[in-house]
Protein backbone atom coordinates (compact mmCIF):
# COMPACT_ATOMS: atom_id res chain seq x y z
CA MET A 1 34.33 -87.47 46.17
CA ALA A 2 34.55 -86.69 49.87
CA ASP A 3 32.21 -88.29 52.36
CA LEU A 4 29.28 -86.22 53.59
CA VAL A 5 29.99 -87.04 57.23
CA THR A 6 32.89 -88.43 59.22
CA SER A 7 33.01 -91.61 61.24
CA ALA A 8 33.37 -89.50 64.39
CA GLU A 9 30.19 -87.57 63.54
CA VAL A 10 28.24 -90.81 63.01
CA LYS A 11 29.54 -92.33 66.24
CA SER A 12 28.64 -89.19 68.15
CA TYR A 13 25.15 -89.11 66.57
CA LEU A 14 24.61 -92.78 67.50
CA SER A 15 26.30 -92.45 70.92
CA ILE A 16 28.83 -95.16 70.06
CA ASN A 17 32.11 -95.10 71.99
CA HIS A 18 33.77 -98.32 70.78
CA THR A 19 35.49 -99.39 67.57
CA ASP A 20 33.60 -102.66 66.97
CA ASP A 21 31.41 -101.16 64.23
CA ASP A 22 33.97 -98.84 62.57
CA THR A 23 34.12 -100.83 59.33
CA LEU A 24 30.34 -100.95 59.01
CA ILE A 25 30.04 -97.24 59.79
CA SER A 26 32.65 -96.43 57.15
CA GLU A 27 30.78 -98.50 54.55
CA LEU A 28 27.46 -96.88 55.47
CA ILE A 29 29.02 -93.43 55.09
CA GLY A 30 30.24 -94.35 51.59
CA TYR A 31 26.88 -95.84 50.61
CA THR A 32 24.93 -92.84 51.87
CA THR A 33 27.29 -90.32 50.26
CA ILE A 34 26.89 -91.99 46.86
CA ALA A 35 23.11 -92.30 47.27
CA VAL A 36 22.64 -88.65 48.33
CA GLU A 37 24.80 -87.26 45.52
CA SER A 38 23.17 -89.57 42.99
CA TYR A 39 19.64 -88.60 44.09
CA THR A 40 20.26 -84.85 44.20
CA GLY A 41 22.46 -84.73 41.09
CA ARG A 42 24.90 -82.54 43.04
CA SER A 43 28.41 -82.97 44.26
CA PHE A 44 29.11 -81.75 47.76
CA THR A 45 32.83 -81.59 47.04
CA GLN A 46 34.29 -78.97 44.75
CA ALA A 47 36.00 -80.20 41.61
CA THR A 48 37.26 -78.77 38.33
CA ILE A 49 34.99 -79.73 35.45
CA THR A 50 35.36 -79.29 31.70
CA ASP A 51 32.15 -79.07 29.65
CA GLU A 52 32.28 -79.16 25.88
CA LEU A 53 28.89 -77.76 25.07
CA VAL A 54 27.11 -79.05 22.00
CA ASP A 55 25.81 -75.74 20.72
CA GLY A 56 25.38 -72.06 21.41
CA GLY A 57 22.61 -70.07 19.81
CA SER A 58 20.87 -69.22 23.04
CA GLY A 59 21.00 -66.47 25.62
CA ASN A 60 22.92 -68.68 28.06
CA LEU A 61 25.27 -71.61 28.28
CA VAL A 62 24.06 -74.36 30.63
CA LEU A 63 26.79 -75.96 32.72
CA GLU A 64 26.29 -79.47 34.06
CA GLY A 65 27.93 -79.10 37.47
CA VAL A 66 26.18 -76.87 39.99
CA PRO A 67 26.61 -74.80 41.97
CA VAL A 68 29.40 -73.18 39.98
CA ALA A 69 31.97 -71.53 42.26
CA SER A 70 34.06 -69.96 39.49
CA ILE A 71 34.88 -70.16 35.80
CA THR A 72 38.50 -70.84 34.92
CA SER A 73 38.10 -70.30 31.18
CA ILE A 74 35.68 -70.24 28.28
CA LYS A 75 37.13 -70.98 24.87
CA ASP A 76 35.56 -70.52 21.45
CA SER A 77 36.62 -73.35 19.11
CA PHE A 78 35.14 -71.44 16.15
CA ASP A 79 37.79 -68.77 16.69
CA SER A 80 40.86 -71.06 17.14
CA ASP A 81 40.14 -71.69 20.83
CA ALA A 82 40.10 -67.96 21.56
CA LEU A 83 39.75 -67.23 25.25
CA ILE A 84 36.59 -65.29 26.13
CA ALA A 85 37.41 -62.42 28.47
CA ALA A 86 35.92 -62.61 31.96
CA GLY A 87 34.14 -59.30 31.38
CA ASP A 88 32.30 -60.77 28.38
CA TYR A 89 30.07 -63.06 30.44
CA ILE A 90 28.03 -63.12 33.64
CA LEU A 91 27.78 -66.25 35.78
CA ASP A 92 24.68 -67.36 37.69
CA GLY A 93 26.52 -69.96 39.77
CA ASP A 94 23.52 -71.42 41.59
CA ALA A 95 21.71 -72.17 38.32
CA GLY A 96 24.87 -73.05 36.35
CA LEU A 97 24.06 -70.50 33.65
CA VAL A 98 26.51 -68.24 31.80
CA TYR A 99 25.09 -65.17 30.05
CA PRO A 100 26.78 -62.81 27.58
CA SER A 101 27.65 -59.49 29.19
CA GLU A 102 26.43 -56.22 27.72
CA SER A 103 30.02 -54.98 27.63
CA ILE A 104 31.39 -57.64 25.28
CA THR A 105 34.74 -57.28 23.59
CA SER A 106 34.81 -60.62 21.69
CA LEU A 107 32.32 -59.79 18.94
CA LEU A 108 32.86 -63.06 17.05
CA ALA A 109 31.69 -65.05 20.06
CA PHE A 110 28.25 -63.47 20.26
CA ILE A 111 25.41 -62.74 17.91
CA GLY A 112 22.58 -60.27 18.33
CA ASP A 113 18.91 -60.93 17.80
CA ASN A 114 16.28 -58.62 16.40
CA ARG A 115 15.26 -57.59 19.92
CA GLY A 116 18.77 -56.36 20.73
CA GLY A 117 19.66 -59.27 23.01
CA LEU A 118 22.90 -61.21 22.87
CA PHE A 119 23.27 -64.90 22.17
CA TRP A 120 26.23 -67.23 22.31
CA GLY A 121 27.37 -68.00 18.77
CA THR A 122 26.22 -71.27 17.26
CA GLY A 123 28.37 -74.20 16.25
CA ARG A 124 28.55 -77.85 17.18
CA GLY A 125 30.90 -78.31 20.14
CA ARG A 126 31.89 -74.66 19.90
CA TRP A 127 32.16 -73.79 23.61
CA LYS A 128 34.64 -75.35 26.02
CA VAL A 129 34.11 -74.21 29.61
CA VAL A 130 36.47 -75.09 32.46
CA TYR A 131 35.05 -74.30 35.88
CA VAL A 132 35.00 -75.23 39.57
CA ALA A 133 31.67 -76.66 40.72
CA GLY A 134 30.15 -78.34 43.72
CA HIS A 135 29.53 -77.33 47.28
CA ASN A 136 32.51 -76.56 49.47
CA GLY A 137 31.52 -79.27 51.92
CA ALA A 138 28.09 -80.59 52.73
CA PRO A 139 25.58 -78.05 54.08
CA ALA A 140 24.42 -78.71 57.65
CA ASP A 141 21.01 -80.02 56.60
CA ILE A 142 22.57 -82.49 54.14
CA LYS A 143 24.88 -83.73 56.90
CA LEU A 144 21.86 -84.15 59.17
CA ALA A 145 19.99 -86.06 56.46
CA ALA A 146 22.98 -88.37 55.95
CA LEU A 147 23.33 -88.96 59.69
CA GLY A 148 19.63 -89.75 60.00
CA TRP A 149 19.72 -92.17 57.08
CA ILE A 150 22.82 -93.92 58.43
CA ALA A 151 21.15 -94.18 61.85
CA ASP A 152 18.06 -95.74 60.26
CA ILE A 153 20.13 -98.37 58.48
CA PHE A 154 22.40 -98.99 61.46
CA THR A 155 19.56 -99.42 63.96
CA SER A 156 17.17 -101.36 61.66
CA PRO A 157 19.13 -104.29 60.24
CA ASP A 158 15.82 -105.92 59.19
CA SER A 159 15.48 -103.28 56.46
CA LEU A 160 18.71 -104.37 54.82
CA LYS A 161 18.89 -106.49 51.70
CA SER A 162 21.50 -109.14 51.33
CA GLU A 163 23.97 -107.43 49.03
CA ARG A 164 27.72 -107.35 49.45
CA LEU A 165 29.56 -104.10 50.00
CA GLY A 166 33.07 -104.81 51.14
CA ASP A 167 33.03 -107.55 53.74
CA ARG A 168 29.45 -106.91 54.81
CA ALA A 169 25.95 -107.00 53.42
CA ILE A 170 24.70 -103.48 54.07
CA SER A 171 22.60 -102.51 51.09
CA ARG A 172 19.14 -101.19 51.87
CA ASP A 173 16.03 -101.31 49.77
CA ASN A 174 16.21 -98.29 47.53
CA GLU A 175 13.72 -96.36 49.63
CA ILE A 176 14.99 -93.08 51.01
CA PRO A 177 13.38 -92.32 54.38
CA SER A 178 10.73 -89.61 53.97
CA ARG A 179 12.36 -87.24 56.50
CA VAL A 180 15.64 -87.55 54.58
CA ARG A 181 13.92 -87.06 51.21
CA LEU A 182 12.35 -83.80 52.46
CA ILE A 183 15.84 -82.37 52.97
CA LEU A 184 17.32 -83.82 49.78
CA ASP A 185 14.48 -82.47 47.65
CA LYS A 186 15.69 -78.91 48.34
CA TYR A 187 18.93 -79.79 46.52
CA TYR A 188 17.43 -81.99 43.79
CA ILE A 189 18.32 -81.02 40.21
CA PRO A 190 15.75 -82.29 37.69
CA VAL A 191 17.15 -84.03 34.63
CA PHE A 192 15.46 -83.06 31.38
C-alpha cells in the first residue's frame, strides 16, 4: 500500500519548513492512509488480485477489488482450468463486474436462460479471476481529504487519544471530520 500523500505535501499544506515533526507527519500519513482505505473499501494503489469466486449462475461475476484496471485471466476449474478468451467477457471496471459477451467461443463456460441471456456456469469455486485493481494513485480530492484530516490531527492535539503508534501517541477518536467524510463518501463501497 502506498501512502495517499507525501511528507512534502503535508509540510507544504501546513506551511512547515523544518524537520522537527517529520516522524510524526510520517506516522499521521500512515494512519490516515489506512483509515481512508479502510473506510472507503478501496485501494488507491494498483495491485494484482486473485479472486476464487464461490459460484457462477448469474449474469455477472462480482470482483472484490475495484476499480478494475484490467483482467489478466479468467479460468474455469470445471473445464480443467481452461482459460476464458478475452472476447468472451465484458468488463465494467468501475463496478467490478464481468459479463459474458454475446460473441462467446467457450460454450462450456456459459449457460443460457429461457430469455436468451447468458449466465456464467455454476459450480462451487469454479471461477478463478486474476486482475489488476485499485486506483493508479489517489485522486486529487482524496489527497485533499487526507491532507485536511492530517492537518486537523496535527493542529488539534487535544483530540488525540493516548494510543501508541511507533514512538508517539497519535491515535484519534474514530471520528472522521465531516468535511473529509463528504469526500470519502463518493468512493465508499457498501459491504453487503
